[in-house]
Amino acid sequence: MLDKFVTSMASLRIISGSIEILAALFMLKLGRVDKALAVNSALAFVGPSVLIITTAIGLSGMADRLSWGKIIWIGSGVACLLIGILKK
């Protein structure tokens, strides 16, 4: 039997990947750079959101095995990733 946290994380990644593929197909259907760029911009929220949610699910699944110090280090790492990715 699969762990419910692993199943949740994998399901979220499958949904995220499906959204990415559907967006790519939609860009092809639109056929215009300006509209494809708008679709791509909307996807900018999907990636970081999925990262935060899957990390939170994983941390909640491991919370009983991690000290508060380690959880803070992991949270700091995710924050640094997001700052590096989203900061312009």
C-alpha atoms as a PDB file:
ATOM      1  CA  MET A   1       0.000   0.000   0.000  1.00  0.00           C
ATOM      2  CA  LEU A   2       1.311   3.445  -0.903  1.00  0.00           C
ATOM      3  CA  ASP A   3       1.843   6.158   1.651  1.00  0.00           C
ATOM      4  CA  LYS A   4      -0.924   8.783   1.487  1.00  0.00           C
ATOM      5  CA  PHE A   5       1.626  11.614   1.507  1.00  0.00           C
ATOM      6  CA  VAL A   6       3.576  10.125  -1.408  1.00  0.00           C
ATOM      7  CA  THR A   7       0.335   9.552  -3.303  1.00  0.00           C
ATOM      8  CA  SER A   8      -0.740  13.156  -2.702  1.00  0.00           C
ATOM      9  CA  MET A   9       2.620  14.541  -3.811  1.00  0.00           C
ATOM     10  CA  ALA A  10       2.724  12.386  -6.953  1.00  0.00           C
ATOM     11  CA  SER A  11      -0.890  13.219  -7.824  1.00  0.00           C
ATOM     12  CA  LEU A  12      -0.185  16.927  -7.523  1.00  0.00           C
ATOM     13  CA  ARG A  13       2.849  16.579  -9.802  1.00  0.00           C
ATOM     14  CA  ILE A  14       0.779  14.628 -12.362  1.00  0.00           C
ATOM     15  CA  ILE A  15      -1.871  17.369 -12.320  1.00  0.00           C
ATOM     16  CA  SER A  16       0.826  20.037 -12.654  1.00  0.00           C
ATOM     17  CA  GLY A  17       2.422  18.232 -15.585  1.00  0.00           C
ATOM     18  CA  SER A  18      -0.962  17.835 -17.250  1.00  0.00           C
ATOM     19  CA  ILE A  19      -1.597  21.566 -16.892  1.00  0.00           C
ATOM     20  CA  GLU A  20       1.784  22.265 -18.500  1.00  0.00           C
ATOM     21  CA  ILE A  21       1.047  19.943 -21.438  1.00  0.00           C
ATOM     22  CA  LEU A  22      -2.435  21.398 -21.931  1.00  0.00           C
ATOM     23  CA  ALA A  23      -0.983  24.917 -21.865  1.00  0.00           C
ATOM     24  CA  ALA A  24       1.581  23.952 -24.528  1.00  0.00           C
ATOM     25  CA  LEU A  25      -1.168  22.517 -26.742  1.00  0.00           C
ATOM     26  CA  PHE A  26      -3.238  25.656 -26.171  1.00  0.00           C
ATOM     27  CA  MET A  27      -0.253  27.810 -27.203  1.00  0.00           C
ATOM     28  CA  LEU A  28       0.037  25.803 -30.419  1.00  0.00           C
ATOM     29  CA  LYS A  29      -3.673  26.234 -31.067  1.00  0.00           C
ATOM     30  CA  LEU A  30      -3.491  29.991 -30.499  1.00  0.00           C
ATOM     31  CA  GLY A  31      -0.600  30.263 -32.947  1.00  0.00           C
ATOM     32  CA  ARG A  32       0.413  33.784 -31.916  1.00  0.00           C
ATOM     33  CA  VAL A  33       3.432  34.804 -29.884  1.00  0.00           C
ATOM     34  CA  ASP A  34       1.603  37.432 -27.826  1.00  0.00           C
ATOM     35  CA  LYS A  35      -1.157  35.037 -26.788  1.00  0.00           C
ATOM     36  CA  ALA A  36       1.288  32.192 -26.147  1.00  0.00           C
ATOM     37  CA  LEU A  37       3.292  34.534 -23.924  1.00  0.00           C
ATOM     38  CA  ALA A  38       0.143  35.343 -21.949  1.00  0.00           C
ATOM     39  CA  VAL A  39      -0.502  31.629 -21.409  1.00  0.00           C
ATOM     40  CA  ASN A  40       3.122  31.147 -20.383  1.00  0.00           C
ATOM     41  CA  SER A  41       2.844  34.022 -17.909  1.00  0.00           C
ATOM     42  CA  ALA A  42      -0.179  32.398 -16.305  1.00  0.00           C
ATOM     43  CA  LEU A  43       1.904  29.245 -15.819  1.00  0.00           C
ATOM     44  CA  ALA A  44       4.418  31.231 -13.778  1.00  0.00           C
ATOM     45  CA  PHE A  45       2.105  30.792 -10.787  1.00  0.00           C
ATOM     46  CA  VAL A  46       1.693  27.042 -11.223  1.00  0.00           C
ATOM     47  CA  GLY A  47       5.329  25.978 -10.754  1.00  0.00           C
ATOM     48  CA  PRO A  48       6.110  27.769  -7.487  1.00  0.00           C
ATOM     49  CA  SER A  49       2.686  26.919  -6.072  1.00  0.00           C
ATOM     50  CA  VAL A  50       3.192  23.223  -6.778  1.00  0.00           C
ATOM     51  CA  LEU A  51       6.683  23.398  -5.245  1.00  0.00           C
ATOM     52  CA  ILE A  52       5.348  24.937  -2.032  1.00  0.00           C
ATOM     53  CA  ILE A  53       2.369  22.601  -1.743  1.00  0.00           C
ATOM     54  CA  THR A  54       4.305  19.390  -2.459  1.00  0.00           C
ATOM     55  CA  THR A  55       7.024  20.435  -0.017  1.00  0.00           C
ATOM     56  CA  ALA A  56       4.392  21.158   2.635  1.00  0.00           C
ATOM     57  CA  ILE A  57       2.775  17.761   2.064  1.00  0.00           C
ATOM     58  CA  GLY A  58       6.149  16.038   2.289  1.00  0.00           C
ATOM     59  CA  LEU A  59       7.086  17.917   5.451  1.00  0.00           C
ATOM     60  CA  SER A  60       3.781  17.099   7.082  1.00  0.00           C
ATOM     61  CA  GLY A  61       4.408  13.443   6.282  1.00  0.00           C
ATOM     62  CA  MET A  62       7.843  13.611   7.902  1.00  0.00           C
ATOM     63  CA  ALA A  63       7.017  16.014  10.727  1.00  0.00           C
ATOM     64  CA  ASP A  64       7.206  13.323  13.384  1.00  0.00           C
ATOM     65  CA  ARG A  65      10.741  12.382  12.237  1.00  0.00           C
ATOM     66  CA  LEU A  66      12.204  15.884  11.844  1.00  0.00           C
ATOM     67  CA  SER A  67      13.315  18.356  14.459  1.00  0.00           C
ATOM     68  CA  TRP A  68      12.056  21.930  14.305  1.00  0.00           C
ATOM     69  CA  GLY A  69      15.554  23.018  13.332  1.00  0.00           C
ATOM     70  CA  LYS A  70      15.557  20.798  10.253  1.00  0.00           C
ATOM     71  CA  ILE A  71      12.093  21.946   9.264  1.00  0.00           C
ATOM     72  CA  ILE A  72      13.261  25.565   9.475  1.00  0.00           C
ATOM     73  CA  TRP A  73      16.312  24.744   7.320  1.00  0.00           C
ATOM     74  CA  ILE A  74      14.096  23.101   4.695  1.00  0.00           C
ATOM     75  CA  GLY A  75      11.682  26.042   4.753  1.00  0.00           C
ATOM     76  CA  SER A  76      14.603  28.448   4.376  1.00  0.00           C
ATOM     77  CA  GLY A  77      15.863  26.461   1.394  1.00  0.00           C
ATOM     78  CA  VAL A  78      12.492  26.606  -0.317  1.00  0.00           C
ATOM     79  CA  ALA A  79      12.287  30.347   0.380  1.00  0.00           C
ATOM     80  CA  CYS A  80      15.752  30.857  -1.159  1.00  0.00           C
ATOM     81  CA  LEU A  81      14.688  28.884  -4.248  1.00  0.00           C
ATOM     82  CA  LEU A  82      11.583  30.994  -4.680  1.00  0.00           C
ATOM     83  CA  ILE A  83      13.473  34.250  -4.180  1.00  0.00           C
ATOM     84  CA  GLY A  84      16.056  33.141  -6.744  1.00  0.00           C
ATOM     85  CA  ILE A  85      13.430  32.101  -9.257  1.00  0.00           C
ATOM     86  CA  LEU A  86      10.907  34.914  -8.843  1.00  0.00           C
ATOM     87  CA  LYS A  87      13.152  37.888  -8.053  1.00  0.00           C
ATOM     88  CA  LYS A  88      13.746  40.132 -11.080  1.00  0.00           C
END
